[in-house]
């Protein structure tokens, strides 16, 4: 019984390369988001009750 011993649907190395590239991009996005820090709050708007004081 003879047949191909590699992946049945084309090059497996290209699929692995895409998967590794996607993993690298995902890790870079997570690291960037983790280092972004919390957003700064702006000054709260004054209400009518605060303006009377």
PDB file of N, CA and C in Angstrom:
ATOM      1  N   UNK A   1       0.846  -1.170   0.000  1.00  0.00           N
ATOM      2  CA  UNK A   1       0.000   0.000   0.000  1.00  0.00           C
ATOM      3  C   UNK A   1       0.899   1.243   0.000  1.00  0.00           C
ATOM      4  N   UNK A   2       0.910   1.928  -1.126  1.00  0.00           N
ATOM      5  CA  UNK A   2       1.743   3.113  -1.265  1.00  0.00           C
ATOM      6  C   UNK A   2       0.861   4.351  -1.313  1.00  0.00           C
ATOM      7  N   UNK A   3       1.337   5.386  -0.735  1.00  0.00           N
ATOM      8  CA  UNK A   3       0.587   6.630  -0.751  1.00  0.00           C
ATOM      9  C   UNK A   3       1.403   7.729  -0.107  1.00  0.00           C
ATOM     10  N   UNK A   4       0.880   8.925  -0.151  1.00  0.00           N
ATOM     11  CA  UNK A   4       1.610  10.051   0.452  1.00  0.00           C
ATOM     12  C   UNK A   4       1.677   9.893   1.963  1.00  0.00           C
ATOM     13  N   UNK A   5       2.815  10.221   2.514  1.00  0.00           N
ATOM     14  CA  UNK A   5       2.979  10.125   3.971  1.00  0.00           C
ATOM     15  C   UNK A   5       2.829  11.482   4.647  1.00  0.00           C
ATOM     16  N   UNK A   6       2.733  12.532   3.850  1.00  0.00           N
ATOM     17  CA  UNK A   6       2.582  13.864   4.444  1.00  0.00           C
ATOM     18  C   UNK A   6       1.101  14.206   4.559  1.00  0.00           C
ATOM     19  N   UNK A   7       0.818  15.453   4.873  1.00  0.00           N
ATOM     20  CA  UNK A   7      -0.562  15.884   5.050  1.00  0.00           C
ATOM     21  C   UNK A   7      -1.352  15.686   3.765  1.00  0.00           C
ATOM     22  N   UNK A   8      -2.596  15.292   3.862  1.00  0.00           N
ATOM     23  CA  UNK A   8      -3.376  14.992   2.662  1.00  0.00           C
ATOM     24  C   UNK A   8      -3.799  16.222   1.872  1.00  0.00           C
ATOM     25  N   UNK A   9      -3.778  17.394   2.462  1.00  0.00           N
ATOM     26  CA  UNK A   9      -4.272  18.584   1.771  1.00  0.00           C
ATOM     27  C   UNK A   9      -3.174  19.608   1.555  1.00  0.00           C
ATOM     28  N   UNK A  10      -2.176  19.277   0.837  1.00  0.00           N
ATOM     29  CA  UNK A  10      -1.142  20.244   0.506  1.00  0.00           C
ATOM     30  C   UNK A  10      -0.039  20.302   1.534  1.00  0.00           C
ATOM     31  N   UNK A  11       0.616  21.443   1.590  1.00  0.00           N
ATOM     32  CA  UNK A  11       1.779  21.598   2.459  1.00  0.00           C
ATOM     33  C   UNK A  11       1.368  21.836   3.895  1.00  0.00           C
ATOM     34  N   UNK A  12       1.860  21.017   4.761  1.00  0.00           N
ATOM     35  CA  UNK A  12       1.549  21.217   6.177  1.00  0.00           C
ATOM     36  C   UNK A  12       2.418  22.317   6.772  1.00  0.00           C
ATOM     37  N   UNK A  13       3.605  22.546   6.186  1.00  0.00           N
ATOM     38  CA  UNK A  13       4.491  23.578   6.736  1.00  0.00           C
ATOM     39  C   UNK A  13       3.876  24.970   6.601  1.00  0.00           C
ATOM     40  N   UNK A  14       3.146  25.211   5.534  1.00  0.00           N
ATOM     41  CA  UNK A  14       2.494  26.512   5.366  1.00  0.00           C
ATOM     42  C   UNK A  14       1.402  26.701   6.410  1.00  0.00           C
ATOM     43  N   UNK A  15       0.687  25.630   6.719  1.00  0.00           N
ATOM     44  CA  UNK A  15      -0.359  25.720   7.740  1.00  0.00           C
ATOM     45  C   UNK A  15       0.250  25.993   9.106  1.00  0.00           C
ATOM     46  N   UNK A  16       1.345  25.327   9.402  1.00  0.00           N
ATOM     47  CA  UNK A  16       2.014  25.559  10.684  1.00  0.00           C
ATOM     48  C   UNK A  16       2.569  26.977  10.757  1.00  0.00           C
ATOM     49  N   UNK A  17       3.098  27.478   9.659  1.00  0.00           N
ATOM     50  CA  UNK A  17       3.643  28.831   9.647  1.00  0.00           C
ATOM     51  C   UNK A  17       2.543  29.852   9.915  1.00  0.00           C
ATOM     52  N   UNK A  18       1.360  29.648   9.319  1.00  0.00           N
ATOM     53  CA  UNK A  18       0.239  30.561   9.577  1.00  0.00           C
ATOM     54  C   UNK A  18      -0.212  30.483  11.024  1.00  0.00           C
ATOM     55  N   UNK A  19      -0.232  29.286  11.573  1.00  0.00           N
ATOM     56  CA  UNK A  19      -0.652  29.123  12.966  1.00  0.00           C
ATOM     57  C   UNK A  19       0.328  29.789  13.922  1.00  0.00           C
ATOM     58  N   UNK A  20       1.617  29.635  13.648  1.00  0.00           N
ATOM     59  CA  UNK A  20       2.630  30.266  14.501  1.00  0.00           C
ATOM     60  C   UNK A  20       2.552  31.784  14.375  1.00  0.00           C
ATOM     61  N   UNK A  21       2.358  32.277  13.169  1.00  0.00           N
ATOM     62  CA  UNK A  21       2.240  33.724  12.970  1.00  0.00           C
ATOM     63  C   UNK A  21       1.022  34.275  13.707  1.00  0.00           C
ATOM     64  N   UNK A  22      -0.097  33.563  13.663  1.00  0.00           N
ATOM     65  CA  UNK A  22      -1.300  34.008  14.370  1.00  0.00           C
ATOM     66  C   UNK A  22      -1.078  33.998  15.879  1.00  0.00           C
ATOM     67  N   UNK A  23      -0.353  33.000  16.363  1.00  0.00           N
ATOM     68  CA  UNK A  23      -0.065  32.943  17.798  1.00  0.00           C
ATOM     69  C   UNK A  23       0.824  34.102  18.226  1.00  0.00           C
ATOM     70  N   UNK A  24       1.810  34.435  17.424  1.00  0.00           N
ATOM     71  CA  UNK A  24       2.706  35.552  17.747  1.00  0.00           C
ATOM     72  C   UNK A  24       1.926  36.866  17.774  1.00  0.00           C
ATOM     73  N   UNK A  25       1.042  37.055  16.815  1.00  0.00           N
ATOM     74  CA  UNK A  25       0.238  38.279  16.776  1.00  0.00           C
ATOM     75  C   UNK A  25      -0.679  38.341  17.995  1.00  0.00           C
ATOM     76  N   UNK A  26      -1.278  37.221  18.370  1.00  0.00           N
ATOM     77  CA  UNK A  26      -2.165  37.207  19.531  1.00  0.00           C
ATOM     78  C   UNK A  26      -1.404  37.512  20.816  1.00  0.00           C
ATOM     79  N   UNK A  27      -0.227  36.946  20.964  1.00  0.00           N
ATOM     80  CA  UNK A  27       0.583  37.214  22.157  1.00  0.00           C
ATOM     81  C   UNK A  27       1.012  38.670  22.208  1.00  0.00           C
ATOM     82  N   UNK A  28       1.402  39.222  21.067  1.00  0.00           N
ATOM     83  CA  UNK A  28       1.794  40.635  21.022  1.00  0.00           C
ATOM     84  C   UNK A  28       0.620  41.536  21.399  1.00  0.00           C
ATOM     85  N   UNK A  29      -0.575  41.196  20.947  1.00  0.00           N
ATOM     86  CA  UNK A  29      -1.754  41.997  21.282  1.00  0.00           C
ATOM     87  C   UNK A  29      -2.053  41.918  22.779  1.00  0.00           C
ATOM     88  N   UNK A  30      -1.919  40.738  23.356  1.00  0.00           N
ATOM     89  CA  UNK A  30      -2.159  40.594  24.793  1.00  0.00           C
ATOM     90  C   UNK A  30      -1.138  41.369  25.620  1.00  0.00           C
ATOM     91  N   UNK A  31       0.119  41.322  25.218  1.00  0.00           N
ATOM     92  CA  UNK A  31       1.158  42.053  25.946  1.00  0.00           C
ATOM     93  C   UNK A  31       0.927  43.555  25.836  1.00  0.00           C
ATOM     94  N   UNK A  32       0.560  44.012  24.647  1.00  0.00           N
ATOM     95  CA  UNK A  32       0.290  45.438  24.461  1.00  0.00           C
ATOM     96  C   UNK A  32      -0.889  45.887  25.316  1.00  0.00           C
ATOM     97  N   UNK A  33      -1.938  45.074  25.349  1.00  0.00           N
ATOM     98  CA  UNK A  33      -3.110  45.430  26.151  1.00  0.00           C
ATOM     99  C   UNK A  33      -2.792  45.414  27.643  1.00  0.00           C
ATOM    100  N   UNK A  34      -1.955  44.494  28.075  1.00  0.00           N
ATOM    101  CA  UNK A  34      -1.606  44.411  29.490  1.00  0.00           C
ATOM    102  C   UNK A  34      -0.755  45.596  29.928  1.00  0.00           C
ATOM    103  N   UNK A  35       0.068  46.117  29.040  1.00  0.00           N
ATOM    104  CA  UNK A  35       0.950  47.229  29.377  1.00  0.00           C
ATOM    105  C   UNK A  35       0.307  48.592  29.147  1.00  0.00           C
ATOM    106  N   UNK A  36      -0.899  48.625  28.613  1.00  0.00           N
ATOM    107  CA  UNK A  36      -1.543  49.903  28.311  1.00  0.00           C
ATOM    108  C   UNK A  36      -1.920  50.646  29.585  1.00  0.00           C
ATOM    109  N   UNK A  37      -2.263  49.941  30.631  1.00  0.00           N
ATOM    110  CA  UNK A  37      -2.635  50.592  31.882  1.00  0.00           C
ATOM    111  C   UNK A  37      -4.078  51.038  31.866  1.00  0.00           C
ATOM    112  N   UNK A  38      -4.562  51.440  33.010  1.00  0.00           N
ATOM    113  CA  UNK A  38      -5.964  51.866  33.082  1.00  0.00           C
ATOM    114  C   UNK A  38      -6.169  53.226  32.416  1.00  0.00           C
ATOM    115  N   UNK A  39      -7.357  53.438  31.929  1.00  0.00           N
ATOM    116  CA  UNK A  39      -7.685  54.720  31.307  1.00  0.00           C
ATOM    117  C   UNK A  39      -7.865  55.768  32.399  1.00  0.00           C
ATOM    118  N   UNK A  40      -7.488  56.979  32.103  1.00  0.00           N
ATOM    119  CA  UNK A  40      -7.642  58.056  33.082  1.00  0.00           C
ATOM    120  C   UNK A  40      -9.043  58.634  32.998  1.00  0.00           C
ATOM    121  N   UNK A  41      -9.621  58.879  34.143  1.00  0.00           N
ATOM    122  CA  UNK A  41     -10.958  59.462  34.193  1.00  0.00           C
ATOM    123  C   UNK A  41     -10.844  60.971  34.041  1.00  0.00           C
ATOM    124  N   UNK A  42     -11.779  61.535  33.337  1.00  0.00           N
ATOM    125  CA  UNK A  42     -11.792  62.987  33.199  1.00  0.00           C
ATOM    126  C   UNK A  42     -12.441  63.595  34.438  1.00  0.00           C
ATOM    127  N   UNK A  43     -12.395  64.900  34.548  1.00  0.00           N
ATOM    128  CA  UNK A  43     -13.019  65.589  35.676  1.00  0.00           C
ATOM    129  C   UNK A  43     -14.516  65.322  35.645  1.00  0.00           C
ATOM    130  N   UNK A  44     -15.102  65.006  36.784  1.00  0.00           N
ATOM    131  CA  UNK A  44     -16.552  64.773  36.785  1.00  0.00           C
ATOM    132  C   UNK A  44     -17.306  66.066  36.485  1.00  0.00           C
ATOM    133  N   UNK A  45     -18.382  65.936  35.772  1.00  0.00           N
ATOM    134  CA  UNK A  45     -19.188  67.112  35.430  1.00  0.00           C
ATOM    135  C   UNK A  45     -19.881  67.629  36.702  1.00  0.00           C
ATOM    136  N   UNK A  46     -19.953  68.950  36.805  1.00  0.00           N
ATOM    137  CA  UNK A  46     -20.603  69.540  37.983  1.00  0.00           C
ATOM    138  C   UNK A  46     -22.104  69.453  37.809  1.00  0.00           C
ATOM    139  N   UNK A  47     -22.781  69.089  38.864  1.00  0.00           N
ATOM    140  CA  UNK A  47     -24.241  69.026  38.839  1.00  0.00           C
ATOM    141  C   UNK A  47     -24.808  70.312  39.416  1.00  0.00           C
ATOM    142  N   UNK A  48     -26.100  70.483  39.342  1.00  0.00           N
ATOM    143  CA  UNK A  48     -26.756  71.680  39.847  1.00  0.00           C
ATOM    144  C   UNK A  48     -26.582  71.771  41.376  1.00  0.00           C
ATOM    145  N   UNK A  49     -26.586  70.649  42.076  1.00  0.00           N
ATOM    146  CA  UNK A  49     -26.439  70.651  43.530  1.00  0.00           C
ATOM    147  C   UNK A  49     -25.032  71.105  43.896  1.00  0.00           C
ATOM    148  N   UNK A  50     -24.036  70.670  43.164  1.00  0.00           N
ATOM    149  CA  UNK A  50     -22.660  71.078  43.455  1.00  0.00           C
ATOM    150  C   UNK A  50     -22.438  72.543  43.129  1.00  0.00           C
ATOM    151  N   UNK A  51     -23.119  73.068  42.130  1.00  0.00           N
ATOM    152  CA  UNK A  51     -22.939  74.454  41.734  1.00  0.00           C
ATOM    153  C   UNK A  51     -23.482  75.414  42.780  1.00  0.00           C
ATOM    154  N   UNK A  52     -24.503  75.006  43.562  1.00  0.00           N
ATOM    155  CA  UNK A  52     -25.098  75.868  44.579  1.00  0.00           C
ATOM    156  C   UNK A  52     -24.194  76.042  45.787  1.00  0.00           C
ATOM    157  N   UNK A  53     -23.288  75.133  46.026  1.00  0.00           N
ATOM    158  CA  UNK A  53     -22.424  75.202  47.208  1.00  0.00           C
ATOM    159  C   UNK A  53     -21.360  76.215  47.097  1.00  0.00           C
TER     160      UNK A  53
END
